[in-house]
Amino acid sequence: MALVRSRVLALLVIIPALAAADVRAPSGHVPGRTWQHMPPAEAGFDPAKLQAAIDFAVSAESKRPRDMAEDQRTSFGAREPMAEIVGPMRARGDMTGVIVKDGYIVAEWGEPDRVDMAHSVTKSFLSSVIGVASDRGMIRVDDPVAPYVPPVQPYPKGELFDLFPTPRDRTITWDDMLRQTSDWEGTLWGKPDWVDRPGPDVEKNRTR
């Protein structure tokens, strides 16, 4: 939960401000809303080797269940208290990928337009977004996060919720959140922070 919180908070704050960013490839080509395709060879790829790489990616699919609810129940849910699922879950789709070179799509497979659950791949997105935001002076990584983040409404409905409710929480910086060292305290989605990957001593977790 702490990991999800740090990513979600930063994405909620920063992504809207970057939505209009100009995406320009080294070649100067601007993709626009509809991305154009380019044959792999024309883009400088060996088509046979590129296809071999794609085939390898497809063959390396996770052995975990595609049913995300089942995956949750048999992984974190099997060893964490209060592990009931909150919110919608969706089964994982086929292995999917897109290769882009200089603003052109040179290969794609699977279902690129499908909406899937992202999980830890958001770490890669967030690290890029945070870097851009920091470069543009939109955030300072040593600033407390609380002043940047307004209250949110829990899913699906509920009273507005202060994400940084305690004096200690209000000292947590972007750097703390990004390094996952904030030790945020509170309750989110009806679950207290200590249930996230707790140690064997439950009482110690509850009263740290």
N, C-alpha and C. Protein backbone atom coordinates (compact mmCIF):
# COMPACT_ATOMS: atom_id res chain seq x y z
N MET A 1 0.81 -1.21 0.00
CA MET A 1 0.00 0.00 0.00
C MET A 1 0.85 1.26 0.00
N ALA A 2 1.93 1.27 0.81
CA ALA A 2 2.78 2.46 0.87
C ALA A 2 3.38 2.75 -0.49
N LEU A 3 3.78 1.68 -1.19
CA LEU A 3 4.36 1.83 -2.52
C LEU A 3 3.35 2.42 -3.47
N VAL A 4 2.12 1.90 -3.44
CA VAL A 4 1.07 2.43 -4.31
C VAL A 4 0.79 3.87 -3.98
N ARG A 5 0.71 4.20 -2.67
CA ARG A 5 0.41 5.57 -2.28
C ARG A 5 1.41 6.55 -2.84
N SER A 6 2.70 6.25 -2.71
CA SER A 6 3.72 7.21 -3.14
C SER A 6 3.62 7.46 -4.63
N ARG A 7 3.33 6.41 -5.40
CA ARG A 7 3.22 6.58 -6.84
C ARG A 7 1.95 7.34 -7.20
N VAL A 8 0.83 6.95 -6.58
CA VAL A 8 -0.44 7.57 -6.92
C VAL A 8 -0.45 9.05 -6.57
N LEU A 9 0.08 9.42 -5.41
CA LEU A 9 0.08 10.81 -5.00
C LEU A 9 0.85 11.67 -5.99
N ALA A 10 2.04 11.21 -6.36
CA ALA A 10 2.85 12.01 -7.27
C ALA A 10 2.21 12.09 -8.65
N LEU A 11 1.64 10.99 -9.13
CA LEU A 11 1.02 11.00 -10.45
C LEU A 11 -0.19 11.92 -10.48
N LEU A 12 -0.99 11.93 -9.41
CA LEU A 12 -2.16 12.79 -9.36
C LEU A 12 -1.78 14.26 -9.45
N VAL A 13 -0.65 14.60 -8.87
CA VAL A 13 -0.23 16.00 -8.83
C VAL A 13 0.44 16.44 -10.12
N ILE A 14 1.27 15.57 -10.69
CA ILE A 14 2.17 16.01 -11.75
C ILE A 14 1.66 15.75 -13.16
N ILE A 15 1.05 14.60 -13.40
CA ILE A 15 0.70 14.23 -14.77
C ILE A 15 -0.19 15.25 -15.46
N PRO A 16 -1.25 15.79 -14.79
CA PRO A 16 -2.07 16.78 -15.50
C PRO A 16 -1.27 17.97 -16.02
N ALA A 17 -0.27 18.38 -15.27
CA ALA A 17 0.52 19.54 -15.68
C ALA A 17 1.42 19.24 -16.86
N LEU A 18 1.72 17.95 -17.08
CA LEU A 18 2.61 17.58 -18.17
C LEU A 18 1.85 17.09 -19.39
N ALA A 19 0.53 17.05 -19.32
CA ALA A 19 -0.25 16.44 -20.39
C ALA A 19 -0.05 17.15 -21.72
N ALA A 20 0.25 18.44 -21.69
CA ALA A 20 0.40 19.18 -22.93
C ALA A 20 1.86 19.28 -23.38
N ALA A 21 2.74 18.48 -22.77
CA ALA A 21 4.16 18.56 -23.10
C ALA A 21 4.42 18.23 -24.56
N ASP A 22 5.38 18.87 -25.17
CA ASP A 22 5.77 18.62 -26.56
C ASP A 22 6.72 17.44 -26.59
N VAL A 23 6.28 16.31 -27.18
CA VAL A 23 7.11 15.12 -27.29
C VAL A 23 7.84 15.17 -28.62
N ARG A 24 9.13 15.41 -28.58
CA ARG A 24 9.90 15.59 -29.81
C ARG A 24 11.07 14.61 -29.83
N ALA A 25 11.13 13.79 -30.86
CA ALA A 25 12.18 12.80 -31.00
C ALA A 25 13.48 13.48 -31.44
N PRO A 26 14.64 12.79 -31.28
CA PRO A 26 15.92 13.38 -31.70
C PRO A 26 15.93 13.81 -33.16
N SER A 27 15.16 13.12 -34.01
CA SER A 27 15.14 13.46 -35.43
C SER A 27 14.38 14.75 -35.70
N GLY A 28 13.64 15.25 -34.69
CA GLY A 28 12.83 16.44 -34.89
C GLY A 28 11.40 16.09 -35.23
N HIS A 29 11.09 14.80 -35.44
CA HIS A 29 9.74 14.39 -35.78
C HIS A 29 8.85 14.45 -34.54
N VAL A 30 7.70 15.11 -34.66
CA VAL A 30 6.74 15.18 -33.56
C VAL A 30 5.60 14.22 -33.86
N PRO A 31 5.40 13.17 -33.00
CA PRO A 31 4.40 12.15 -33.30
C PRO A 31 2.98 12.68 -33.47
N GLY A 32 2.56 13.62 -32.63
CA GLY A 32 1.17 14.06 -32.70
C GLY A 32 0.25 13.05 -32.03
N ARG A 33 -1.05 13.21 -32.24
CA ARG A 33 -2.02 12.33 -31.59
C ARG A 33 -2.04 10.95 -32.23
N THR A 34 -1.74 10.86 -33.52
CA THR A 34 -1.71 9.57 -34.22
C THR A 34 -0.26 9.28 -34.61
N TRP A 35 0.31 8.23 -34.05
CA TRP A 35 1.70 7.91 -34.31
C TRP A 35 1.83 7.16 -35.64
N GLN A 36 2.83 7.54 -36.42
CA GLN A 36 3.08 6.89 -37.69
C GLN A 36 4.00 5.69 -37.52
N HIS A 37 3.89 4.74 -38.46
CA HIS A 37 4.73 3.55 -38.44
C HIS A 37 5.88 3.68 -39.44
N MET A 38 6.97 3.01 -39.14
CA MET A 38 8.13 2.97 -40.04
C MET A 38 8.64 1.52 -40.08
N PRO A 39 8.94 0.97 -41.26
CA PRO A 39 9.47 -0.39 -41.33
C PRO A 39 10.76 -0.51 -40.52
N PRO A 40 10.95 -1.62 -39.81
CA PRO A 40 12.14 -1.78 -38.97
C PRO A 40 13.45 -1.53 -39.70
N ALA A 41 13.59 -2.06 -40.91
CA ALA A 41 14.84 -1.88 -41.64
C ALA A 41 15.10 -0.41 -41.93
N GLU A 42 14.05 0.32 -42.27
CA GLU A 42 14.20 1.75 -42.57
C GLU A 42 14.62 2.53 -41.33
N ALA A 43 14.23 2.01 -40.15
CA ALA A 43 14.58 2.66 -38.89
C ALA A 43 15.94 2.21 -38.37
N GLY A 44 16.62 1.31 -39.11
CA GLY A 44 17.95 0.89 -38.70
C GLY A 44 18.01 -0.42 -37.93
N PHE A 45 16.90 -1.16 -37.89
CA PHE A 45 16.87 -2.44 -37.19
C PHE A 45 17.08 -3.60 -38.16
N ASP A 46 17.66 -4.66 -37.66
CA ASP A 46 17.68 -5.93 -38.39
C ASP A 46 16.33 -6.59 -38.14
N PRO A 47 15.47 -6.70 -39.16
CA PRO A 47 14.12 -7.22 -38.93
C PRO A 47 14.09 -8.60 -38.28
N ALA A 48 15.00 -9.49 -38.68
CA ALA A 48 15.01 -10.84 -38.11
C ALA A 48 15.38 -10.82 -36.63
N LYS A 49 16.38 -10.01 -36.28
CA LYS A 49 16.78 -9.93 -34.88
C LYS A 49 15.70 -9.25 -34.04
N LEU A 50 15.05 -8.26 -34.63
CA LEU A 50 13.98 -7.58 -33.91
C LEU A 50 12.83 -8.55 -33.64
N GLN A 51 12.48 -9.36 -34.63
CA GLN A 51 11.42 -10.33 -34.44
C GLN A 51 11.81 -11.38 -33.39
N ALA A 52 13.07 -11.76 -33.38
CA ALA A 52 13.55 -12.72 -32.37
C ALA A 52 13.41 -12.13 -30.97
N ALA A 53 13.69 -10.84 -30.83
CA ALA A 53 13.55 -10.19 -29.53
C ALA A 53 12.08 -10.14 -29.11
N ILE A 54 11.20 -9.87 -30.06
CA ILE A 54 9.77 -9.84 -29.77
C ILE A 54 9.29 -11.23 -29.35
N ASP A 55 9.72 -12.25 -30.10
CA ASP A 55 9.33 -13.63 -29.78
C ASP A 55 9.79 -14.00 -28.37
N PHE A 56 11.00 -13.56 -28.00
CA PHE A 56 11.51 -13.84 -26.66
C PHE A 56 10.65 -13.16 -25.60
N ALA A 57 10.28 -11.90 -25.86
CA ALA A 57 9.45 -11.16 -24.90
C ALA A 57 8.11 -11.86 -24.70
N VAL A 58 7.51 -12.31 -25.79
CA VAL A 58 6.21 -12.98 -25.70
C VAL A 58 6.32 -14.30 -24.94
N SER A 59 7.43 -15.01 -25.14
CA SER A 59 7.61 -16.31 -24.50
C SER A 59 7.95 -16.19 -23.01
N ALA A 60 8.32 -14.98 -22.57
CA ALA A 60 8.77 -14.79 -21.19
C ALA A 60 7.65 -14.30 -20.28
N GLU A 61 6.41 -14.58 -20.64
CA GLU A 61 5.28 -14.14 -19.82
C GLU A 61 5.37 -14.72 -18.40
N SER A 62 4.93 -13.93 -17.45
CA SER A 62 4.90 -14.37 -16.06
C SER A 62 4.08 -15.66 -15.93
N LYS A 63 4.52 -16.53 -15.02
CA LYS A 63 3.79 -17.77 -14.75
C LYS A 63 2.64 -17.55 -13.77
N ARG A 64 2.54 -16.35 -13.22
CA ARG A 64 1.45 -16.06 -12.28
C ARG A 64 0.11 -16.06 -13.01
N PRO A 65 -1.01 -16.30 -12.30
CA PRO A 65 -2.32 -16.33 -12.96
C PRO A 65 -2.63 -15.01 -13.67
N ARG A 66 -3.29 -15.12 -14.81
CA ARG A 66 -3.74 -13.90 -15.48
C ARG A 66 -4.89 -13.25 -14.71
N ASP A 67 -5.63 -14.03 -13.98
CA ASP A 67 -6.71 -13.50 -13.14
C ASP A 67 -6.06 -12.71 -12.00
N MET A 68 -6.17 -11.38 -12.03
CA MET A 68 -5.48 -10.56 -11.04
C MET A 68 -6.03 -10.75 -9.63
N ALA A 69 -7.32 -11.04 -9.51
CA ALA A 69 -7.87 -11.29 -8.18
C ALA A 69 -7.27 -12.57 -7.59
N GLU A 70 -7.13 -13.60 -8.42
CA GLU A 70 -6.52 -14.84 -7.96
C GLU A 70 -5.05 -14.63 -7.64
N ASP A 71 -4.37 -13.85 -8.45
CA ASP A 71 -2.95 -13.56 -8.20
C ASP A 71 -2.79 -12.84 -6.87
N GLN A 72 -3.68 -11.89 -6.58
CA GLN A 72 -3.62 -11.17 -5.31
C GLN A 72 -3.86 -12.12 -4.14
N ARG A 73 -4.86 -12.98 -4.27
CA ARG A 73 -5.21 -13.89 -3.18
C ARG A 73 -4.07 -14.86 -2.85
N THR A 74 -3.31 -15.26 -3.87
CA THR A 74 -2.28 -16.28 -3.67
C THR A 74 -0.88 -15.69 -3.50
N SER A 75 -0.77 -14.37 -3.45
CA SER A 75 0.54 -13.74 -3.23
C SER A 75 0.47 -12.89 -1.96
N PHE A 76 0.25 -11.59 -2.09
CA PHE A 76 0.18 -10.73 -0.91
C PHE A 76 -0.97 -11.14 0.00
N GLY A 77 -2.10 -11.53 -0.60
CA GLY A 77 -3.26 -11.88 0.19
C GLY A 77 -3.06 -13.08 1.09
N ALA A 78 -2.09 -13.92 0.71
CA ALA A 78 -1.85 -15.14 1.50
C ALA A 78 -1.01 -14.86 2.74
N ARG A 79 -0.38 -13.69 2.83
CA ARG A 79 0.53 -13.44 3.95
C ARG A 79 0.32 -12.08 4.63
N GLU A 80 -0.69 -11.32 4.21
CA GLU A 80 -0.94 -10.03 4.83
C GLU A 80 -2.33 -10.00 5.45
N PRO A 81 -2.48 -9.37 6.64
CA PRO A 81 -3.82 -9.23 7.22
C PRO A 81 -4.64 -8.21 6.45
N MET A 82 -5.94 -8.30 6.59
CA MET A 82 -6.87 -7.36 5.94
C MET A 82 -6.60 -7.29 4.44
N ALA A 83 -6.41 -8.45 3.83
CA ALA A 83 -5.98 -8.50 2.43
C ALA A 83 -7.13 -8.54 1.44
N GLU A 84 -8.36 -8.28 1.90
CA GLU A 84 -9.47 -8.28 0.97
C GLU A 84 -9.28 -7.21 -0.10
N ILE A 85 -9.74 -7.51 -1.31
CA ILE A 85 -9.54 -6.62 -2.45
C ILE A 85 -10.49 -5.43 -2.36
N VAL A 86 -9.96 -4.24 -2.61
CA VAL A 86 -10.75 -3.02 -2.63
C VAL A 86 -10.69 -2.46 -4.05
N GLY A 87 -11.83 -2.32 -4.67
CA GLY A 87 -11.85 -1.77 -6.03
C GLY A 87 -11.82 -2.85 -7.09
N PRO A 88 -11.93 -2.45 -8.36
CA PRO A 88 -12.03 -3.41 -9.46
C PRO A 88 -10.68 -4.04 -9.79
N MET A 89 -10.74 -5.28 -10.25
CA MET A 89 -9.55 -5.98 -10.74
C MET A 89 -9.87 -6.45 -12.16
N ARG A 90 -8.83 -6.57 -12.99
CA ARG A 90 -9.05 -7.02 -14.36
C ARG A 90 -8.01 -8.06 -14.72
N ALA A 91 -8.43 -9.09 -15.42
CA ALA A 91 -7.49 -10.13 -15.84
C ALA A 91 -6.44 -9.54 -16.78
N ARG A 92 -5.24 -10.05 -16.67
CA ARG A 92 -4.14 -9.59 -17.52
C ARG A 92 -4.36 -10.03 -18.96
N GLY A 93 -4.03 -9.17 -19.90
CA GLY A 93 -4.18 -9.49 -21.31
C GLY A 93 -2.95 -10.18 -21.87
N ASP A 94 -2.93 -10.34 -23.20
CA ASP A 94 -1.80 -10.96 -23.87
C ASP A 94 -0.52 -10.12 -23.70
N MET A 95 0.60 -10.78 -23.85
CA MET A 95 1.88 -10.04 -23.83
C MET A 95 1.85 -8.98 -24.93
N THR A 96 2.24 -7.77 -24.57
CA THR A 96 2.06 -6.62 -25.45
C THR A 96 3.29 -5.72 -25.39
N GLY A 97 3.63 -5.13 -26.50
CA GLY A 97 4.73 -4.19 -26.51
C GLY A 97 4.70 -3.28 -27.72
N VAL A 98 5.41 -2.18 -27.62
CA VAL A 98 5.57 -1.22 -28.71
C VAL A 98 7.02 -0.76 -28.70
N ILE A 99 7.64 -0.74 -29.86
CA ILE A 99 9.01 -0.24 -30.00
C ILE A 99 8.97 1.04 -30.83
N VAL A 100 9.52 2.11 -30.28
CA VAL A 100 9.50 3.41 -30.93
C VAL A 100 10.92 3.87 -31.21
N LYS A 101 11.16 4.37 -32.39
CA LYS A 101 12.46 4.93 -32.76
C LYS A 101 12.24 6.28 -33.43
N ASP A 102 12.85 7.32 -32.85
CA ASP A 102 12.76 8.67 -33.42
C ASP A 102 11.32 9.12 -33.67
N GLY A 103 10.42 8.74 -32.77
CA GLY A 103 9.04 9.19 -32.90
C GLY A 103 8.17 8.35 -33.80
N TYR A 104 8.70 7.24 -34.33
CA TYR A 104 7.93 6.34 -35.19
C TYR A 104 7.80 4.97 -34.53
N ILE A 105 6.66 4.34 -34.70
CA ILE A 105 6.47 2.98 -34.23
C ILE A 105 7.09 2.03 -35.25
N VAL A 106 8.05 1.23 -34.81
CA VAL A 106 8.70 0.29 -35.73
C VAL A 106 8.25 -1.15 -35.49
N ALA A 107 7.59 -1.40 -34.36
CA ALA A 107 7.05 -2.73 -34.09
C ALA A 107 6.03 -2.63 -32.97
N GLU A 108 5.01 -3.46 -33.04
CA GLU A 108 4.05 -3.57 -31.95
C GLU A 108 3.42 -4.95 -32.00
N TRP A 109 3.04 -5.46 -30.83
CA TRP A 109 2.43 -6.78 -30.75
C TRP A 109 1.48 -6.82 -29.58
N GLY A 110 0.59 -7.81 -29.59
CA GLY A 110 -0.40 -7.91 -28.52
C GLY A 110 -1.51 -6.90 -28.72
N GLU A 111 -1.91 -6.25 -27.63
CA GLU A 111 -3.03 -5.31 -27.64
C GLU A 111 -2.59 -3.97 -27.04
N PRO A 112 -1.87 -3.16 -27.80
CA PRO A 112 -1.35 -1.90 -27.23
C PRO A 112 -2.43 -0.94 -26.74
N ASP A 113 -3.63 -1.02 -27.30
CA ASP A 113 -4.69 -0.10 -26.89
C ASP A 113 -5.50 -0.61 -25.70
N ARG A 114 -5.20 -1.81 -25.23
CA ARG A 114 -5.94 -2.38 -24.12
C ARG A 114 -5.54 -1.68 -22.81
N VAL A 115 -6.51 -1.45 -21.94
CA VAL A 115 -6.25 -0.90 -20.62
C VAL A 115 -6.04 -2.05 -19.66
N ASP A 116 -4.85 -2.14 -19.07
CA ASP A 116 -4.51 -3.20 -18.14
C ASP A 116 -4.07 -2.60 -16.81
N MET A 117 -4.05 -3.41 -15.78
CA MET A 117 -3.51 -2.98 -14.49
C MET A 117 -2.00 -2.84 -14.63
N ALA A 118 -1.46 -1.74 -14.11
CA ALA A 118 -0.06 -1.41 -14.38
C ALA A 118 0.92 -1.97 -13.36
N HIS A 119 0.55 -1.97 -12.07
CA HIS A 119 1.43 -2.47 -11.02
C HIS A 119 2.79 -1.74 -11.04
N SER A 120 3.87 -2.47 -10.87
CA SER A 120 5.17 -1.81 -10.65
C SER A 120 5.76 -1.16 -11.90
N VAL A 121 5.14 -1.37 -13.08
CA VAL A 121 5.66 -0.66 -14.25
C VAL A 121 5.48 0.85 -14.07
N THR A 122 4.58 1.26 -13.16
CA THR A 122 4.42 2.69 -12.92
C THR A 122 5.68 3.32 -12.34
N LYS A 123 6.58 2.51 -11.76
CA LYS A 123 7.84 3.06 -11.24
C LYS A 123 8.63 3.73 -12.36
N SER A 124 8.64 3.10 -13.53
CA SER A 124 9.37 3.67 -14.66
C SER A 124 8.72 4.96 -15.14
N PHE A 125 7.38 4.95 -15.21
CA PHE A 125 6.69 6.18 -15.62
C PHE A 125 6.94 7.29 -14.62
N LEU A 126 6.81 6.97 -13.35
CA LEU A 126 6.93 7.98 -12.30
C LEU A 126 8.32 8.58 -12.25
N SER A 127 9.36 7.75 -12.40
CA SER A 127 10.72 8.29 -12.34
C SER A 127 10.95 9.30 -13.45
N SER A 128 10.36 9.05 -14.64
CA SER A 128 10.50 9.99 -15.75
C SER A 128 9.71 11.27 -15.48
N VAL A 129 8.48 11.12 -14.99
CA VAL A 129 7.63 12.28 -14.72
C VAL A 129 8.24 13.17 -13.64
N ILE A 130 8.74 12.53 -12.58
CA ILE A 130 9.35 13.29 -11.49
C ILE A 130 10.58 14.04 -11.99
N GLY A 131 11.38 13.40 -12.83
CA GLY A 131 12.56 14.06 -13.37
C GLY A 131 12.19 15.31 -14.16
N VAL A 132 11.17 15.20 -15.01
CA VAL A 132 10.72 16.36 -15.80
C VAL A 132 10.18 17.45 -14.88
N ALA A 133 9.36 17.05 -13.89
CA ALA A 133 8.79 18.03 -12.97
C ALA A 133 9.88 18.77 -12.19
N SER A 134 10.90 18.03 -11.77
CA SER A 134 12.00 18.65 -11.03
C SER A 134 12.79 19.59 -11.92
N ASP A 135 13.08 19.16 -13.14
CA ASP A 135 13.83 20.01 -14.08
C ASP A 135 13.08 21.31 -14.37
N ARG A 136 11.75 21.23 -14.42
CA ARG A 136 10.95 22.41 -14.74
C ARG A 136 10.64 23.26 -13.52
N GLY A 137 11.13 22.84 -12.36
CA GLY A 137 10.89 23.61 -11.15
C GLY A 137 9.48 23.49 -10.61
N MET A 138 8.74 22.46 -11.05
CA MET A 138 7.37 22.26 -10.60
C MET A 138 7.34 21.69 -9.18
N ILE A 139 8.37 20.93 -8.81
CA ILE A 139 8.51 20.43 -7.44
C ILE A 139 9.98 20.55 -7.05
N ARG A 140 10.20 20.51 -5.75
CA ARG A 140 11.55 20.36 -5.21
C ARG A 140 11.54 19.08 -4.41
N VAL A 141 12.45 18.16 -4.70
CA VAL A 141 12.37 16.83 -4.09
C VAL A 141 12.59 16.86 -2.58
N ASP A 142 13.17 17.95 -2.05
CA ASP A 142 13.33 18.02 -0.59
C ASP A 142 12.18 18.78 0.07
N ASP A 143 11.16 19.15 -0.69
CA ASP A 143 9.97 19.79 -0.12
C ASP A 143 9.05 18.75 0.51
N PRO A 144 8.31 19.11 1.56
CA PRO A 144 7.23 18.24 2.03
C PRO A 144 6.18 18.06 0.92
N VAL A 145 5.60 16.86 0.85
CA VAL A 145 4.61 16.57 -0.18
C VAL A 145 3.25 17.18 0.15
N ALA A 146 2.90 17.25 1.42
CA ALA A 146 1.55 17.64 1.84
C ALA A 146 1.03 18.92 1.18
N PRO A 147 1.82 20.00 1.11
CA PRO A 147 1.27 21.22 0.51
C PRO A 147 0.92 21.08 -0.97
N TYR A 148 1.49 20.08 -1.64
CA TYR A 148 1.21 19.89 -3.05
C TYR A 148 -0.06 19.08 -3.30
N VAL A 149 -0.53 18.35 -2.30
CA VAL A 149 -1.57 17.34 -2.53
C VAL A 149 -2.86 17.72 -1.80
N PRO A 150 -3.95 17.98 -2.54
CA PRO A 150 -5.22 18.29 -1.89
C PRO A 150 -5.88 17.03 -1.35
N PRO A 151 -6.91 17.16 -0.51
CA PRO A 151 -7.66 15.99 -0.06
C PRO A 151 -8.25 15.26 -1.25
N VAL A 152 -8.46 13.94 -1.11
CA VAL A 152 -9.03 13.13 -2.18
C VAL A 152 -10.30 12.47 -1.69
N GLN A 153 -11.10 11.99 -2.64
CA GLN A 153 -12.33 11.27 -2.30
C GLN A 153 -12.09 9.78 -2.48
N PRO A 154 -12.28 8.98 -1.43
CA PRO A 154 -12.03 7.54 -1.54
C PRO A 154 -12.94 6.89 -2.58
N TYR A 155 -12.46 5.78 -3.15
CA TYR A 155 -13.25 5.01 -4.11
C TYR A 155 -14.27 4.17 -3.37
N PRO A 156 -15.53 4.00 -3.85
CA PRO A 156 -16.09 4.71 -5.00
C PRO A 156 -16.67 6.07 -4.61
N LYS A 157 -17.10 6.21 -3.34
CA LYS A 157 -17.60 7.49 -2.85
C LYS A 157 -17.28 7.61 -1.37
N GLY A 158 -17.24 8.82 -0.90
CA GLY A 158 -16.98 9.01 0.52
C GLY A 158 -16.59 10.44 0.81
N GLU A 159 -16.33 10.70 2.08
CA GLU A 159 -15.91 12.04 2.49
C GLU A 159 -14.48 12.31 2.02
N LEU A 160 -14.18 13.58 1.78
CA LEU A 160 -12.83 13.94 1.39
C LEU A 160 -11.85 13.48 2.47
N PHE A 161 -10.69 13.02 2.03
CA PHE A 161 -9.73 12.39 2.92
C PHE A 161 -8.39 13.10 2.82
N ASP A 162 -7.87 13.52 3.98
CA ASP A 162 -6.55 14.16 4.03
C ASP A 162 -5.48 13.07 3.98
N LEU A 163 -4.65 13.08 2.95
CA LEU A 163 -3.65 12.03 2.78
C LEU A 163 -2.46 12.18 3.72
N PHE A 164 -2.33 13.33 4.36
CA PHE A 164 -1.23 13.55 5.30
C PHE A 164 -1.81 14.09 6.61
N PRO A 165 -2.51 13.23 7.38
CA PRO A 165 -3.31 13.70 8.50
C PRO A 165 -2.55 14.03 9.78
N THR A 166 -1.33 13.52 9.95
CA THR A 166 -0.63 13.71 11.23
C THR A 166 0.51 14.71 11.07
N PRO A 167 0.94 15.32 12.18
CA PRO A 167 2.10 16.23 12.11
C PRO A 167 3.33 15.56 11.50
N ARG A 168 3.54 14.28 11.85
CA ARG A 168 4.69 13.58 11.29
C ARG A 168 4.54 13.39 9.78
N ASP A 169 3.33 13.02 9.33
CA ASP A 169 3.10 12.83 7.90
C ASP A 169 3.40 14.11 7.12
N ARG A 170 3.11 15.25 7.73
CA ARG A 170 3.29 16.51 7.02
C ARG A 170 4.76 16.90 6.88
N THR A 171 5.66 16.12 7.49
CA THR A 171 7.10 16.37 7.29
C THR A 171 7.67 15.50 6.17
N ILE A 172 6.88 14.57 5.64
CA ILE A 172 7.37 13.64 4.61
C ILE A 172 7.66 14.39 3.32
N THR A 173 8.84 14.19 2.76
CA THR A 173 9.25 14.88 1.54
C THR A 173 9.04 14.00 0.32
N TRP A 174 9.14 14.64 -0.86
CA TRP A 174 9.10 13.87 -2.12
C TRP A 174 10.22 12.83 -2.11
N ASP A 175 11.39 13.21 -1.62
CA ASP A 175 12.51 12.27 -1.58
C ASP A 175 12.16 11.05 -0.74
N ASP A 176 11.53 11.26 0.43
CA ASP A 176 11.12 10.15 1.27
C ASP A 176 10.16 9.22 0.52
N MET A 177 9.17 9.82 -0.16
CA MET A 177 8.17 9.01 -0.86
C MET A 177 8.79 8.24 -2.02
N LEU A 178 9.65 8.91 -2.77
CA LEU A 178 10.25 8.28 -3.95
C LEU A 178 11.20 7.15 -3.58
N ARG A 179 11.82 7.26 -2.42
CA ARG A 179 12.71 6.19 -1.95
C ARG A 179 11.97 5.13 -1.14
N GLN A 180 10.65 5.35 -0.97
CA GLN A 180 9.82 4.42 -0.19
C GLN A 180 10.34 4.28 1.24
N THR A 181 10.78 5.38 1.81
CA THR A 181 11.29 5.38 3.18
C THR A 181 10.47 6.30 4.08
N SER A 182 9.27 6.70 3.64
CA SER A 182 8.51 7.71 4.37
C SER A 182 7.94 7.18 5.68
N ASP A 183 7.64 5.87 5.76
CA ASP A 183 6.94 5.30 6.91
C ASP A 183 5.68 6.09 7.21
N TRP A 184 4.93 6.41 6.15
CA TRP A 184 3.66 7.12 6.26
C TRP A 184 2.77 6.41 7.26
N GLU A 185 2.03 7.17 8.07
CA GLU A 185 1.13 6.57 9.05
C GLU A 185 -0.29 7.06 8.83
N GLY A 186 -1.22 6.14 8.95
CA GLY A 186 -2.62 6.50 8.76
C GLY A 186 -3.42 5.32 8.25
N THR A 187 -4.64 5.60 7.80
CA THR A 187 -5.54 4.58 7.27
C THR A 187 -6.00 5.01 5.89
N LEU A 188 -5.93 4.09 4.94
CA LEU A 188 -6.32 4.37 3.56
C LEU A 188 -7.13 3.20 3.05
N TRP A 189 -8.27 3.49 2.40
CA TRP A 189 -9.17 2.43 1.92
C TRP A 189 -9.60 1.51 3.06
N GLY A 190 -9.73 2.08 4.27
CA GLY A 190 -10.18 1.30 5.40
C GLY A 190 -9.13 0.39 6.00
N LYS A 191 -7.88 0.53 5.58
CA LYS A 191 -6.81 -0.36 6.06
C LYS A 191 -5.68 0.47 6.67
N PRO A 192 -5.24 0.13 7.89
CA PRO A 192 -4.14 0.88 8.51
C PRO A 192 -2.81 0.55 7.84
N ASP A 193 -1.88 1.48 7.95
CA ASP A 193 -0.60 1.34 7.26
C ASP A 193 0.17 0.09 7.67
N TRP A 194 0.01 -0.37 8.92
CA TRP A 194 0.86 -1.46 9.41
C TRP A 194 0.56 -2.80 8.75
N VAL A 195 -0.57 -2.92 8.02
CA VAL A 195 -0.89 -4.22 7.41
C VAL A 195 -0.10 -4.45 6.12
N ASP A 196 0.62 -3.44 5.65
CA ASP A 196 1.38 -3.57 4.40
C ASP A 196 2.71 -4.27 4.66
N ARG A 197 2.81 -5.54 4.26
CA ARG A 197 4.02 -6.35 4.44
C ARG A 197 4.52 -6.29 5.89
N PRO A 198 3.68 -6.66 6.84
CA PRO A 198 4.07 -6.53 8.24
C PRO A 198 5.09 -7.59 8.65
N GLY A 199 5.81 -7.30 9.73
CA GLY A 199 6.71 -8.28 10.31
C GLY A 199 5.92 -9.31 11.11
N PRO A 200 6.62 -10.29 11.68
CA PRO A 200 5.91 -11.37 12.39
C PRO A 200 5.26 -10.94 13.70
N ASP A 201 5.74 -9.85 14.30
CA ASP A 201 5.19 -9.38 15.58
C ASP A 201 4.10 -8.34 15.29
N VAL A 202 2.85 -8.80 15.25
CA VAL A 202 1.74 -7.93 14.87
C VAL A 202 1.60 -6.75 15.83
N GLU A 203 1.72 -7.00 17.15
CA GLU A 203 1.55 -5.92 18.11
C GLU A 203 2.63 -4.85 17.93
N LYS A 204 3.82 -5.26 17.62
CA LYS A 204 4.90 -4.30 17.37
C LYS A 204 4.59 -3.48 16.13
N ASN A 205 4.05 -4.12 15.11
CA ASN A 205 3.68 -3.39 13.90
C ASN A 205 2.63 -2.32 14.20
N ARG A 206 1.67 -2.68 15.06
CA ARG A 206 0.55 -1.79 15.36
C ARG A 206 0.96 -0.61 16.22
N THR A 207 2.02 -0.74 17.00
CA THR A 207 2.37 0.29 17.99
C THR A 207 3.74 0.91 17.75
N ARG A 208 4.28 0.78 16.55
CA ARG A 208 5.65 1.24 16.33
C ARG A 208 5.78 2.73 16.58
